[in-house]
């Protein structure tokens, strides 16, 4: 059965490949379309057209892909969300999950539009009209062609929101760090626990312990027991 499902998934990805080129050609140079096969998270990109986030075939999934992977078969499409790359580009994206005939999620089709020029034009028109066009806060998304850089960036982003080094964090802050990384799908990636442990300078056993405690705390209702 697994072999038949793999063949089916391969066929779906093959059928989607011309769609990647077609969408990118329709929207022009501001558009990037990426096709992911989540069976190999470290090399999930199987087709790409356009260049907005710098993705390449054989590249890893982004943190958005991690979140989809962590959601399992219950993952939903994420449409028309605005984010910013680490390089500062403003991007409007849609991530549409791919499912096989059993309903299992195994990949995604992602469309990224560079809307920086549109935003600049909007601000210019607003200024001419005398309207308040202060830009809204936009979250930064980590895109990378290797999974290690994505995990490292997420760890660094969480640490930057906390005080001091790992040794200076109290238990609640440590659990919050691991819970936040888990919520963003980091630990759905093979070897991520060991990588996070190394990044924080703690043992693998400690990392697994904090992750288990963070998950237990998340599953326990406030004021009650699980």
N, C-alpha and C. Protein backbone atom coordinates (compact mmCIF):
# COMPACT_ATOMS: atom_id res chain seq x y z
N UNK A 1 0.83 -1.21 0.00
CA UNK A 1 0.00 0.00 0.00
C UNK A 1 0.87 1.26 0.00
N UNK A 2 1.94 1.26 0.82
CA UNK A 2 2.82 2.43 0.88
C UNK A 2 3.43 2.73 -0.49
N UNK A 3 3.81 1.64 -1.20
CA UNK A 3 4.38 1.84 -2.53
C UNK A 3 3.38 2.46 -3.48
N UNK A 4 2.12 2.02 -3.39
CA UNK A 4 1.09 2.57 -4.26
C UNK A 4 0.83 4.03 -3.93
N UNK A 5 0.83 4.38 -2.63
CA UNK A 5 0.63 5.77 -2.23
C UNK A 5 1.79 6.65 -2.67
N UNK A 6 3.00 6.13 -2.56
CA UNK A 6 4.15 6.90 -3.02
C UNK A 6 4.07 7.16 -4.52
N UNK A 7 3.64 6.16 -5.27
CA UNK A 7 3.50 6.33 -6.72
C UNK A 7 2.42 7.37 -7.02
N UNK A 8 1.35 7.34 -6.25
CA UNK A 8 0.28 8.32 -6.43
C UNK A 8 0.78 9.74 -6.12
N UNK A 9 1.52 9.88 -5.03
CA UNK A 9 2.05 11.19 -4.66
C UNK A 9 3.04 11.70 -5.70
N UNK A 10 3.87 10.79 -6.21
CA UNK A 10 4.81 11.18 -7.27
C UNK A 10 4.05 11.69 -8.50
N UNK A 11 2.93 11.03 -8.82
CA UNK A 11 2.14 11.42 -9.98
C UNK A 11 1.50 12.80 -9.77
N UNK A 12 1.04 13.07 -8.55
CA UNK A 12 0.45 14.38 -8.25
C UNK A 12 1.50 15.48 -8.40
N UNK A 13 2.68 15.23 -7.85
CA UNK A 13 3.76 16.23 -7.96
C UNK A 13 4.15 16.46 -9.42
N UNK A 14 4.20 15.39 -10.20
CA UNK A 14 4.54 15.52 -11.62
C UNK A 14 3.49 16.34 -12.36
N UNK A 15 2.21 16.13 -12.00
CA UNK A 15 1.13 16.87 -12.64
C UNK A 15 1.14 18.35 -12.23
N UNK A 16 1.64 18.64 -11.02
CA UNK A 16 1.66 20.01 -10.53
C UNK A 16 2.83 20.82 -11.08
N UNK A 17 3.86 20.15 -11.56
CA UNK A 17 5.07 20.86 -12.01
C UNK A 17 4.79 21.87 -13.11
N UNK A 18 4.00 21.56 -14.15
CA UNK A 18 3.70 22.59 -15.16
C UNK A 18 2.90 23.75 -14.59
N UNK A 19 2.12 23.48 -13.54
CA UNK A 19 1.33 24.55 -12.89
C UNK A 19 2.27 25.58 -12.27
N UNK A 20 3.38 25.11 -11.71
CA UNK A 20 4.37 26.01 -11.11
C UNK A 20 4.83 27.03 -12.14
N UNK A 21 5.24 26.56 -13.30
CA UNK A 21 5.71 27.46 -14.35
C UNK A 21 4.59 28.36 -14.86
N UNK A 22 3.39 27.81 -14.96
CA UNK A 22 2.26 28.58 -15.50
C UNK A 22 1.87 29.74 -14.61
N UNK A 23 1.81 29.51 -13.30
CA UNK A 23 1.44 30.58 -12.38
C UNK A 23 2.50 31.67 -12.38
N UNK A 24 3.78 31.26 -12.32
CA UNK A 24 4.86 32.23 -12.31
C UNK A 24 4.87 33.06 -13.59
N UNK A 25 4.62 32.45 -14.73
CA UNK A 25 4.60 33.17 -16.00
C UNK A 25 3.44 34.16 -16.04
N UNK A 26 2.31 33.79 -15.43
CA UNK A 26 1.13 34.66 -15.44
C UNK A 26 1.37 35.95 -14.65
N UNK A 27 2.01 35.84 -13.49
CA UNK A 27 2.20 37.02 -12.63
C UNK A 27 3.51 37.74 -12.88
N UNK A 28 4.43 37.13 -13.61
CA UNK A 28 5.64 37.82 -14.00
C UNK A 28 6.73 37.82 -12.95
N UNK A 29 7.68 38.75 -13.04
CA UNK A 29 8.90 38.72 -12.22
C UNK A 29 8.68 38.94 -10.72
N UNK A 30 7.50 39.42 -10.33
CA UNK A 30 7.26 39.61 -8.89
C UNK A 30 6.80 38.32 -8.23
N UNK A 31 6.65 37.25 -9.00
CA UNK A 31 6.06 36.01 -8.49
C UNK A 31 7.08 34.88 -8.41
N UNK A 32 6.96 34.12 -7.35
CA UNK A 32 7.73 32.89 -7.18
C UNK A 32 6.75 31.79 -6.78
N UNK A 33 6.88 30.64 -7.40
CA UNK A 33 6.03 29.48 -7.07
C UNK A 33 6.93 28.31 -6.71
N UNK A 34 6.64 27.68 -5.59
CA UNK A 34 7.48 26.61 -5.07
C UNK A 34 6.62 25.38 -4.80
N UNK A 35 7.07 24.24 -5.29
CA UNK A 35 6.39 22.97 -5.05
C UNK A 35 7.20 22.14 -4.08
N UNK A 36 6.55 21.71 -2.98
CA UNK A 36 7.24 20.98 -1.92
C UNK A 36 6.76 19.53 -1.83
N UNK A 37 7.71 18.64 -1.57
CA UNK A 37 7.44 17.25 -1.23
C UNK A 37 7.91 17.06 0.22
N UNK A 38 6.98 17.01 1.16
CA UNK A 38 7.33 16.97 2.58
C UNK A 38 7.82 15.60 3.03
N UNK A 39 7.88 14.64 2.14
CA UNK A 39 8.45 13.35 2.52
C UNK A 39 9.95 13.47 2.78
N UNK A 40 10.56 14.53 2.28
CA UNK A 40 11.99 14.79 2.50
C UNK A 40 12.14 16.25 2.92
N UNK A 41 11.87 16.57 4.20
CA UNK A 41 11.85 17.97 4.64
C UNK A 41 13.13 18.73 4.37
N UNK A 42 14.28 18.04 4.49
CA UNK A 42 15.56 18.71 4.28
C UNK A 42 15.79 19.09 2.81
N UNK A 43 15.08 18.43 1.89
CA UNK A 43 15.21 18.73 0.46
C UNK A 43 13.82 18.74 -0.17
N UNK A 44 12.92 19.49 0.45
CA UNK A 44 11.51 19.40 0.06
C UNK A 44 11.18 20.09 -1.26
N UNK A 45 12.00 21.04 -1.69
CA UNK A 45 11.68 21.79 -2.92
C UNK A 45 11.97 20.92 -4.14
N UNK A 46 10.90 20.57 -4.89
CA UNK A 46 11.06 19.72 -6.07
C UNK A 46 10.87 20.50 -7.37
N UNK A 47 10.30 21.69 -7.28
CA UNK A 47 10.16 22.54 -8.46
C UNK A 47 10.02 23.98 -8.00
N UNK A 48 10.60 24.91 -8.75
CA UNK A 48 10.50 26.33 -8.41
C UNK A 48 10.57 27.15 -9.68
N UNK A 49 9.78 28.22 -9.71
CA UNK A 49 9.83 29.17 -10.81
C UNK A 49 9.77 30.57 -10.23
N UNK A 50 10.61 31.47 -10.72
CA UNK A 50 10.67 32.81 -10.16
C UNK A 50 11.66 32.88 -9.01
N UNK A 51 11.96 34.10 -8.56
CA UNK A 51 12.93 34.26 -7.49
C UNK A 51 12.53 35.43 -6.59
N UNK A 52 11.81 35.11 -5.53
CA UNK A 52 11.42 36.11 -4.54
C UNK A 52 12.10 35.83 -3.20
N UNK A 53 12.13 34.56 -2.82
CA UNK A 53 12.75 34.18 -1.55
C UNK A 53 14.08 33.46 -1.75
N UNK A 54 14.50 33.32 -3.02
CA UNK A 54 15.79 32.68 -3.28
C UNK A 54 15.77 31.17 -3.17
N UNK A 55 14.59 30.55 -3.31
CA UNK A 55 14.52 29.10 -3.21
C UNK A 55 15.13 28.43 -4.43
N UNK A 56 15.56 27.17 -4.26
CA UNK A 56 16.13 26.40 -5.35
C UNK A 56 15.72 24.95 -5.19
N UNK A 57 15.65 24.23 -6.30
CA UNK A 57 15.33 22.81 -6.24
C UNK A 57 16.34 22.09 -5.34
N UNK A 58 15.84 21.24 -4.45
CA UNK A 58 16.70 20.56 -3.49
C UNK A 58 16.84 21.30 -2.19
N UNK A 59 16.23 22.50 -2.10
CA UNK A 59 16.29 23.29 -0.88
C UNK A 59 15.32 22.77 0.17
N UNK A 60 15.50 23.25 1.38
CA UNK A 60 14.68 22.81 2.52
C UNK A 60 13.38 23.61 2.59
N UNK A 61 12.45 23.10 3.38
CA UNK A 61 11.22 23.83 3.65
C UNK A 61 11.52 25.04 4.53
N UNK A 62 10.62 26.02 4.50
CA UNK A 62 10.72 27.18 5.37
C UNK A 62 10.04 26.87 6.70
N UNK A 63 10.00 27.86 7.59
CA UNK A 63 9.30 27.66 8.85
C UNK A 63 7.81 27.47 8.63
N UNK A 64 7.28 28.00 7.52
CA UNK A 64 5.87 27.78 7.20
C UNK A 64 5.64 26.30 6.91
N UNK A 65 6.56 25.70 6.17
CA UNK A 65 6.47 24.26 5.91
C UNK A 65 6.57 23.45 7.18
N UNK A 66 7.43 23.89 8.10
CA UNK A 66 7.53 23.20 9.39
C UNK A 66 6.18 23.20 10.11
N UNK A 67 5.52 24.36 10.05
CA UNK A 67 4.22 24.48 10.72
C UNK A 67 3.19 23.55 10.07
N UNK A 68 3.21 23.47 8.75
CA UNK A 68 2.29 22.56 8.05
C UNK A 68 2.60 21.12 8.43
N UNK A 69 3.89 20.78 8.44
CA UNK A 69 4.29 19.41 8.77
C UNK A 69 3.87 19.06 10.18
N UNK A 70 4.01 20.01 11.11
CA UNK A 70 3.62 19.76 12.50
C UNK A 70 2.11 19.58 12.63
N UNK A 71 1.35 20.22 11.73
CA UNK A 71 -0.10 20.09 11.77
C UNK A 71 -0.60 18.75 11.26
N UNK A 72 0.27 17.97 10.63
CA UNK A 72 -0.12 16.65 10.15
C UNK A 72 -1.24 16.72 9.13
N UNK A 73 -2.08 15.71 9.13
CA UNK A 73 -3.16 15.65 8.15
C UNK A 73 -4.27 16.65 8.44
N UNK A 74 -4.20 17.30 9.61
CA UNK A 74 -5.18 18.34 9.93
C UNK A 74 -4.75 19.71 9.46
N UNK A 75 -3.59 19.81 8.82
CA UNK A 75 -3.08 21.10 8.34
C UNK A 75 -4.03 21.70 7.31
N UNK A 76 -4.21 23.01 7.38
CA UNK A 76 -5.11 23.70 6.45
C UNK A 76 -4.32 24.64 5.55
N UNK A 77 -4.93 25.01 4.44
CA UNK A 77 -4.31 26.00 3.57
C UNK A 77 -4.14 27.32 4.33
N UNK A 78 -3.07 28.04 4.04
CA UNK A 78 -2.87 29.39 4.57
C UNK A 78 -2.81 30.32 3.38
N UNK A 79 -3.83 31.19 3.27
CA UNK A 79 -3.99 32.00 2.05
C UNK A 79 -3.84 33.49 2.32
N UNK A 80 -3.17 34.16 1.40
CA UNK A 80 -3.06 35.63 1.39
C UNK A 80 -2.54 36.20 2.70
N UNK A 81 -1.48 35.63 3.23
CA UNK A 81 -0.84 36.20 4.41
C UNK A 81 0.37 37.01 3.97
N UNK A 82 0.66 38.05 4.72
CA UNK A 82 1.78 38.93 4.39
C UNK A 82 2.89 38.72 5.39
N UNK A 83 4.09 38.58 4.89
CA UNK A 83 5.25 38.36 5.74
C UNK A 83 6.43 39.14 5.16
N UNK A 84 7.54 39.08 5.86
CA UNK A 84 8.74 39.76 5.39
C UNK A 84 9.91 38.78 5.45
N UNK A 85 10.72 38.74 4.40
CA UNK A 85 11.89 37.88 4.42
C UNK A 85 12.95 38.49 5.33
N UNK A 86 13.94 37.70 5.71
CA UNK A 86 15.01 38.23 6.56
C UNK A 86 15.81 39.31 5.84
N UNK A 87 15.73 39.32 4.51
CA UNK A 87 16.40 40.36 3.73
C UNK A 87 15.59 41.64 3.63
N UNK A 88 14.36 41.63 4.15
CA UNK A 88 13.53 42.82 4.18
C UNK A 88 12.45 42.90 3.12
N UNK A 89 12.38 41.94 2.20
CA UNK A 89 11.37 41.98 1.14
C UNK A 89 9.99 41.70 1.72
N UNK A 90 9.01 42.52 1.31
CA UNK A 90 7.62 42.32 1.76
C UNK A 90 6.95 41.35 0.78
N UNK A 91 6.37 40.27 1.31
CA UNK A 91 5.86 39.19 0.47
C UNK A 91 4.44 38.82 0.88
N UNK A 92 3.57 38.70 -0.12
CA UNK A 92 2.24 38.13 0.12
C UNK A 92 2.25 36.70 -0.40
N UNK A 93 1.82 35.78 0.45
CA UNK A 93 1.96 34.36 0.12
C UNK A 93 0.68 33.58 0.33
N UNK A 94 0.60 32.45 -0.34
CA UNK A 94 -0.43 31.44 -0.10
C UNK A 94 0.24 30.08 -0.11
N UNK A 95 -0.09 29.26 0.88
CA UNK A 95 0.43 27.90 0.97
C UNK A 95 -0.75 26.95 0.91
N UNK A 96 -0.79 26.12 -0.13
CA UNK A 96 -1.90 25.19 -0.33
C UNK A 96 -1.38 23.76 -0.20
N UNK A 97 -1.93 23.04 0.76
CA UNK A 97 -1.42 21.70 1.05
C UNK A 97 -1.84 20.73 -0.04
N UNK A 98 -1.01 19.73 -0.27
CA UNK A 98 -1.31 18.66 -1.22
C UNK A 98 -1.63 17.39 -0.43
N UNK A 99 -2.70 16.70 -0.82
CA UNK A 99 -3.12 15.48 -0.14
C UNK A 99 -3.24 14.34 -1.14
N UNK A 100 -3.00 13.13 -0.66
CA UNK A 100 -3.22 11.95 -1.51
C UNK A 100 -4.67 11.50 -1.35
N UNK A 101 -5.01 10.38 -1.95
CA UNK A 101 -6.40 9.91 -1.94
C UNK A 101 -6.89 9.48 -0.56
N UNK A 102 -5.97 9.30 0.39
CA UNK A 102 -6.37 8.96 1.76
C UNK A 102 -6.58 10.21 2.61
N UNK A 103 -6.29 11.37 2.06
CA UNK A 103 -6.40 12.62 2.81
C UNK A 103 -5.14 13.01 3.54
N UNK A 104 -4.07 12.23 3.39
CA UNK A 104 -2.81 12.53 4.06
C UNK A 104 -2.08 13.67 3.37
N UNK A 105 -1.58 14.62 4.16
CA UNK A 105 -0.80 15.74 3.63
C UNK A 105 0.62 15.26 3.33
N UNK A 106 1.10 15.54 2.13
CA UNK A 106 2.45 15.10 1.78
C UNK A 106 3.27 16.19 1.10
N UNK A 107 2.66 17.34 0.85
CA UNK A 107 3.39 18.40 0.18
C UNK A 107 2.60 19.69 0.17
N UNK A 108 3.09 20.66 -0.58
CA UNK A 108 2.39 21.94 -0.66
C UNK A 108 2.82 22.69 -1.91
N UNK A 109 1.90 23.52 -2.39
CA UNK A 109 2.18 24.45 -3.47
C UNK A 109 2.15 25.85 -2.86
N UNK A 110 3.25 26.58 -2.99
CA UNK A 110 3.37 27.90 -2.37
C UNK A 110 3.56 28.97 -3.44
N UNK A 111 2.80 30.04 -3.31
CA UNK A 111 2.90 31.17 -4.22
C UNK A 111 3.34 32.39 -3.41
N UNK A 112 4.44 33.02 -3.82
CA UNK A 112 4.98 34.19 -3.13
C UNK A 112 5.03 35.37 -4.10
N UNK A 113 4.42 36.49 -3.70
CA UNK A 113 4.43 37.70 -4.52
C UNK A 113 5.20 38.80 -3.80
N UNK A 114 6.18 39.37 -4.47
CA UNK A 114 6.93 40.49 -3.92
C UNK A 114 6.06 41.75 -4.05
N UNK A 115 5.53 42.24 -2.93
CA UNK A 115 4.61 43.38 -2.98
C UNK A 115 5.27 44.66 -2.47
N UNK A 116 6.60 44.65 -2.39
CA UNK A 116 7.30 45.83 -1.90
C UNK A 116 6.99 47.06 -2.73
N UNK A 117 7.00 46.93 -4.06
CA UNK A 117 6.72 48.07 -4.93
C UNK A 117 5.29 48.56 -4.77
N UNK A 118 4.37 47.62 -4.58
CA UNK A 118 2.97 47.98 -4.37
C UNK A 118 2.81 48.76 -3.07
N UNK A 119 3.51 48.30 -2.03
CA UNK A 119 3.44 49.00 -0.75
C UNK A 119 4.01 50.40 -0.83
N UNK A 120 5.11 50.56 -1.57
CA UNK A 120 5.71 51.88 -1.73
C UNK A 120 4.78 52.82 -2.47
N UNK A 121 4.13 52.30 -3.51
CA UNK A 121 3.18 53.12 -4.26
C UNK A 121 1.99 53.52 -3.39
N UNK A 122 1.54 52.58 -2.56
CA UNK A 122 0.42 52.86 -1.66
C UNK A 122 0.78 53.97 -0.67
N UNK A 123 1.99 53.90 -0.13
CA UNK A 123 2.42 54.93 0.83
C UNK A 123 2.56 56.29 0.15
N UNK A 124 3.06 56.29 -1.10
CA UNK A 124 3.21 57.54 -1.83
C UNK A 124 1.85 58.17 -2.09
N UNK A 125 0.89 57.37 -2.54
CA UNK A 125 -0.44 57.89 -2.81
C UNK A 125 -1.10 58.38 -1.52
N UNK A 126 -0.85 57.65 -0.42
CA UNK A 126 -1.42 58.07 0.86
C UNK A 126 -0.84 59.40 1.32
N UNK A 127 0.48 59.56 1.11
CA UNK A 127 1.12 60.80 1.50
C UNK A 127 0.59 61.97 0.67
N UNK A 128 0.38 61.74 -0.62
CA UNK A 128 -0.15 62.80 -1.48
C UNK A 128 -1.57 63.17 -1.08
N UNK A 129 -2.32 62.18 -0.61
CA UNK A 129 -3.71 62.41 -0.21
C UNK A 129 -3.82 62.91 1.23
N UNK A 130 -2.69 62.93 1.94
CA UNK A 130 -2.71 63.38 3.32
C UNK A 130 -3.24 62.34 4.29
N UNK A 131 -3.25 61.08 3.88
CA UNK A 131 -3.78 60.02 4.74
C UNK A 131 -2.65 59.41 5.55
N UNK A 132 -3.02 58.84 6.69
CA UNK A 132 -2.05 58.15 7.54
C UNK A 132 -1.78 56.77 6.96
N UNK A 133 -0.56 56.55 6.50
CA UNK A 133 -0.24 55.26 5.86
C UNK A 133 0.89 54.57 6.59
N UNK A 134 0.92 54.70 7.92
CA UNK A 134 1.97 54.04 8.69
C UNK A 134 1.88 52.54 8.47
N UNK A 135 2.98 51.88 8.08
CA UNK A 135 2.93 50.44 7.78
C UNK A 135 2.66 49.61 9.02
N UNK A 136 1.85 48.58 8.85
CA UNK A 136 1.56 47.68 9.97
C UNK A 136 2.76 46.78 10.22
N UNK A 137 2.85 46.31 11.46
CA UNK A 137 3.94 45.39 11.81
C UNK A 137 3.74 44.08 11.07
N UNK A 138 4.77 43.63 10.38
CA UNK A 138 4.68 42.40 9.60
C UNK A 138 5.69 41.39 10.15
N UNK A 139 5.25 40.15 10.41
CA UNK A 139 6.19 39.17 10.94
C UNK A 139 7.25 38.79 9.92
N UNK A 140 8.43 38.44 10.42
CA UNK A 140 9.51 38.00 9.55
C UNK A 140 9.48 36.48 9.44
N UNK A 141 9.57 35.98 8.22
CA UNK A 141 9.57 34.54 7.98
C UNK A 141 10.96 34.12 7.49
N UNK A 142 11.42 33.00 8.02
CA UNK A 142 12.73 32.49 7.63
C UNK A 142 12.60 31.55 6.44
N UNK A 143 13.20 31.94 5.32
CA UNK A 143 13.30 31.07 4.15
C UNK A 143 14.77 30.70 4.00
N UNK A 144 15.03 29.46 3.65
CA UNK A 144 16.41 29.04 3.46
C UNK A 144 16.46 27.77 2.65
N UNK A 145 17.61 27.54 2.02
CA UNK A 145 17.75 26.34 1.22
C UNK A 145 18.36 25.18 2.00
N UNK A 146 18.65 25.40 3.30
CA UNK A 146 19.03 24.27 4.13
C UNK A 146 18.28 24.38 5.46
N UNK A 147 17.87 23.24 5.97
CA UNK A 147 17.00 23.22 7.14
C UNK A 147 17.71 23.72 8.38
N UNK A 148 19.03 23.54 8.47
CA UNK A 148 19.76 23.99 9.65
C UNK A 148 19.67 25.49 9.83
N UNK A 149 19.79 26.24 8.73
CA UNK A 149 19.74 27.69 8.84
C UNK A 149 18.37 28.17 9.27
N UNK A 150 17.31 27.46 8.85
CA UNK A 150 15.95 27.82 9.25
C UNK A 150 15.76 27.59 10.74
N UNK A 151 16.20 26.42 11.23
CA UNK A 151 16.08 26.12 12.66
C UNK A 151 16.90 27.10 13.48
N UNK A 152 18.13 27.37 13.07
CA UNK A 152 18.98 28.31 13.81
C UNK A 152 18.33 29.69 13.89
N UNK A 153 17.75 30.16 12.78
CA UNK A 153 17.13 31.48 12.77
C UNK A 153 15.93 31.54 13.71
N UNK A 154 15.17 30.47 13.78
CA UNK A 154 14.01 30.44 14.67
C UNK A 154 14.45 30.44 16.14
N UNK A 155 15.50 29.68 16.45
CA UNK A 155 16.02 29.68 17.82
C UNK A 155 16.50 31.08 18.19
N UNK A 156 17.25 31.71 17.29
CA UNK A 156 17.77 33.05 17.56
C UNK A 156 16.64 34.06 17.73
N UNK A 157 15.58 33.93 16.92
CA UNK A 157 14.45 34.86 17.01
C UNK A 157 13.76 34.74 18.36
N UNK A 158 13.59 33.52 18.85
CA UNK A 158 12.96 33.32 20.15
C UNK A 158 13.85 33.83 21.28
N UNK A 159 15.15 33.59 21.16
CA UNK A 159 16.07 34.04 22.20
C UNK A 159 16.13 35.57 22.25
N UNK A 160 15.99 36.22 21.10
CA UNK A 160 16.08 37.68 21.07
C UNK A 160 14.91 38.33 21.80
N UNK A 161 13.82 37.57 21.97
CA UNK A 161 12.67 38.12 22.67
C UNK A 161 12.74 37.88 24.17
N UNK A 162 13.78 37.19 24.61
CA UNK A 162 13.94 36.89 26.03
C UNK A 162 15.19 37.58 26.56
N UNK A 163 15.32 37.56 27.87
CA UNK A 163 16.45 38.27 28.46
C UNK A 163 17.63 37.33 28.66
N UNK A 164 18.81 37.81 28.33
CA UNK A 164 20.02 37.10 28.68
C UNK A 164 20.23 35.77 27.98
N UNK A 165 21.22 35.06 28.50
CA UNK A 165 21.60 33.76 27.96
C UNK A 165 20.68 32.67 28.53
N UNK A 166 20.87 31.46 28.02
CA UNK A 166 20.08 30.33 28.51
C UNK A 166 20.22 30.19 30.02
N UNK A 167 21.43 30.37 30.54
CA UNK A 167 21.67 30.21 31.98
C UNK A 167 20.90 31.23 32.81
N UNK A 168 20.58 32.38 32.20
CA UNK A 168 19.87 33.43 32.93
C UNK A 168 18.36 33.29 32.87
N UNK A 169 17.86 32.37 32.06
CA UNK A 169 16.41 32.19 31.95
C UNK A 169 15.89 31.35 33.11
N UNK A 170 14.70 31.71 33.61
CA UNK A 170 14.10 30.86 34.64
C UNK A 170 13.35 29.72 33.95
N UNK A 171 12.78 28.82 34.76
CA UNK A 171 12.15 27.62 34.19
C UNK A 171 11.00 28.00 33.26
N UNK A 172 10.18 28.97 33.65
CA UNK A 172 9.04 29.35 32.82
C UNK A 172 9.50 29.89 31.47
N UNK A 173 10.59 30.66 31.45
CA UNK A 173 11.10 31.21 30.21
C UNK A 173 11.69 30.12 29.32
N UNK A 174 12.33 29.14 29.95
CA UNK A 174 12.88 28.02 29.17
C UNK A 174 11.76 27.20 28.54
N UNK A 175 10.72 26.96 29.31
CA UNK A 175 9.58 26.20 28.77
C UNK A 175 8.89 27.00 27.67
N UNK A 176 8.83 28.32 27.86
CA UNK A 176 8.21 29.17 26.83
C UNK A 176 9.01 29.11 25.54
N UNK A 177 10.33 29.08 25.64
CA UNK A 177 11.17 28.99 24.45
C UNK A 177 10.91 27.68 23.70
N UNK A 178 10.92 26.57 24.44
CA UNK A 178 10.69 25.27 23.79
C UNK A 178 9.26 25.15 23.28
N UNK A 179 8.29 25.69 24.04
CA UNK A 179 6.90 25.65 23.59
C UNK A 179 6.70 26.48 22.34
N UNK A 180 7.38 27.64 22.26
CA UNK A 180 7.26 28.48 21.08
C UNK A 180 7.86 27.83 19.85
N UNK A 181 9.01 27.21 20.01
CA UNK A 181 9.63 26.50 18.88
C UNK A 181 8.77 25.33 18.44
N UNK A 182 8.19 24.63 19.40
CA UNK A 182 7.33 23.48 19.07
C UNK A 182 6.09 23.93 18.31
N UNK A 183 5.51 25.07 18.74
CA UNK A 183 4.32 25.58 18.08
C UNK A 183 4.59 25.97 16.63
N UNK A 184 5.83 26.33 16.34
CA UNK A 184 6.18 26.73 14.98
C UNK A 184 6.67 25.55 14.14
N UNK A 185 6.56 24.34 14.70
CA UNK A 185 6.85 23.14 13.92
C UNK A 185 8.30 22.75 13.84
N UNK A 186 9.17 23.41 14.63
CA UNK A 186 10.61 23.13 14.55
C UNK A 186 10.90 21.66 14.81
N UNK A 187 10.25 21.08 15.82
CA UNK A 187 10.60 19.72 16.24
C UNK A 187 9.95 18.63 15.39
N UNK A 188 9.23 19.06 14.35
CA UNK A 188 8.73 18.08 13.38
C UNK A 188 9.84 17.66 12.42
N UNK A 189 10.94 18.38 12.44
CA UNK A 189 12.07 18.10 11.55
C UNK A 189 13.04 17.15 12.22
N UNK A 190 13.48 16.16 11.50
CA UNK A 190 14.40 15.16 12.02
C UNK A 190 15.70 15.82 12.49
N UNK A 191 16.11 15.51 13.72
CA UNK A 191 17.37 16.02 14.25
C UNK A 191 17.29 17.41 14.84
N UNK A 192 16.09 18.02 14.85
CA UNK A 192 15.98 19.40 15.32
C UNK A 192 16.25 19.52 16.82
N UNK A 193 15.86 18.52 17.62
CA UNK A 193 16.09 18.60 19.06
C UNK A 193 17.59 18.70 19.34
N UNK A 194 18.36 17.87 18.68
CA UNK A 194 19.81 17.90 18.86
C UNK A 194 20.40 19.23 18.39
N UNK A 195 19.87 19.76 17.28
CA UNK A 195 20.39 21.03 16.77
C UNK A 195 20.07 22.17 17.73
N UNK A 196 18.85 22.19 18.27
CA UNK A 196 18.47 23.24 19.22
C UNK A 196 19.32 23.13 20.48
N UNK A 197 19.55 21.90 20.95
CA UNK A 197 20.38 21.70 22.14
C UNK A 197 21.78 22.29 21.91
N UNK A 198 22.36 22.00 20.76
CA UNK A 198 23.68 22.54 20.45
C UNK A 198 23.68 24.05 20.37
N UNK A 199 22.61 24.61 19.79
CA UNK A 199 22.52 26.06 19.66
C UNK A 199 22.42 26.74 21.03
N UNK A 200 21.75 26.06 21.97
CA UNK A 200 21.56 26.63 23.31
C UNK A 200 22.70 26.26 24.26
N UNK A 201 23.54 25.31 23.86
CA UNK A 201 24.63 24.89 24.72
C UNK A 201 24.20 24.01 25.87
N UNK A 202 23.18 23.18 25.62
CA UNK A 202 22.70 22.25 26.65
C UNK A 202 22.76 20.84 26.12
N UNK A 203 22.57 19.87 27.00
CA UNK A 203 22.64 18.47 26.57
C UNK A 203 21.39 18.08 25.81
N UNK A 204 21.50 17.04 25.01
CA UNK A 204 20.34 16.54 24.29
C UNK A 204 19.26 16.07 25.26
N UNK A 205 19.68 15.44 26.36
CA UNK A 205 18.72 14.96 27.36
C UNK A 205 17.94 16.12 27.96
N UNK A 206 18.63 17.23 28.25
CA UNK A 206 17.95 18.41 28.79
C UNK A 206 16.95 18.98 27.80
N UNK A 207 17.35 19.00 26.52
CA UNK A 207 16.45 19.53 25.49
C UNK A 207 15.19 18.68 25.39
N UNK A 208 15.35 17.37 25.38
CA UNK A 208 14.18 16.48 25.32
C UNK A 208 13.30 16.67 26.56
N UNK A 209 13.92 16.87 27.72
CA UNK A 209 13.17 17.06 28.95
C UNK A 209 12.35 18.34 28.90
N UNK A 210 12.97 19.44 28.47
CA UNK A 210 12.24 20.71 28.39
C UNK A 210 11.12 20.64 27.35
N UNK A 211 11.37 19.94 26.25
CA UNK A 211 10.33 19.80 25.23
C UNK A 211 9.14 19.02 25.79
N UNK A 212 9.42 17.93 26.51
CA UNK A 212 8.34 17.13 27.10
C UNK A 212 7.55 17.95 28.11
N UNK A 213 8.25 18.72 28.93
CA UNK A 213 7.57 19.55 29.93
C UNK A 213 6.73 20.64 29.26
N UNK A 214 7.26 21.24 28.19
CA UNK A 214 6.52 22.28 27.49
C UNK A 214 5.24 21.71 26.87
N UNK A 215 5.34 20.51 26.30
CA UNK A 215 4.16 19.88 25.71
C UNK A 215 3.15 19.49 26.77
N UNK A 216 3.63 19.02 27.91
CA UNK A 216 2.73 18.66 29.01
C UNK A 216 2.00 19.90 29.53
N UNK A 217 2.73 21.00 29.65
CA UNK A 217 2.12 22.24 30.14
C UNK A 217 1.07 22.74 29.15
N UNK A 218 1.36 22.57 27.85
CA UNK A 218 0.41 23.01 26.83
C UNK A 218 -0.86 22.18 26.86
N UNK A 219 -0.74 20.89 27.18
CA UNK A 219 -1.88 19.99 27.19
C UNK A 219 -2.69 20.05 28.47
N UNK A 220 -2.17 20.73 29.51
CA UNK A 220 -2.85 20.80 30.79
C UNK A 220 -3.72 22.04 30.86
N UNK A 221 -5.05 21.89 31.08
CA UNK A 221 -5.92 23.06 31.15
C UNK A 221 -5.53 23.94 32.33
N UNK A 222 -5.68 25.28 32.21
CA UNK A 222 -5.36 26.18 33.31
C UNK A 222 -6.15 25.82 34.57
N UNK A 223 -5.43 25.65 35.68
CA UNK A 223 -6.09 25.36 36.94
C UNK A 223 -6.58 23.93 37.07
N UNK A 224 -6.24 23.08 36.09
CA UNK A 224 -6.73 21.70 36.16
C UNK A 224 -5.65 20.73 35.79
N UNK A 225 -6.01 19.49 35.64
CA UNK A 225 -5.06 18.44 35.26
C UNK A 225 -5.41 17.94 33.88
N UNK A 226 -4.42 17.34 33.26
CA UNK A 226 -4.62 16.86 31.90
C UNK A 226 -5.57 15.68 31.89
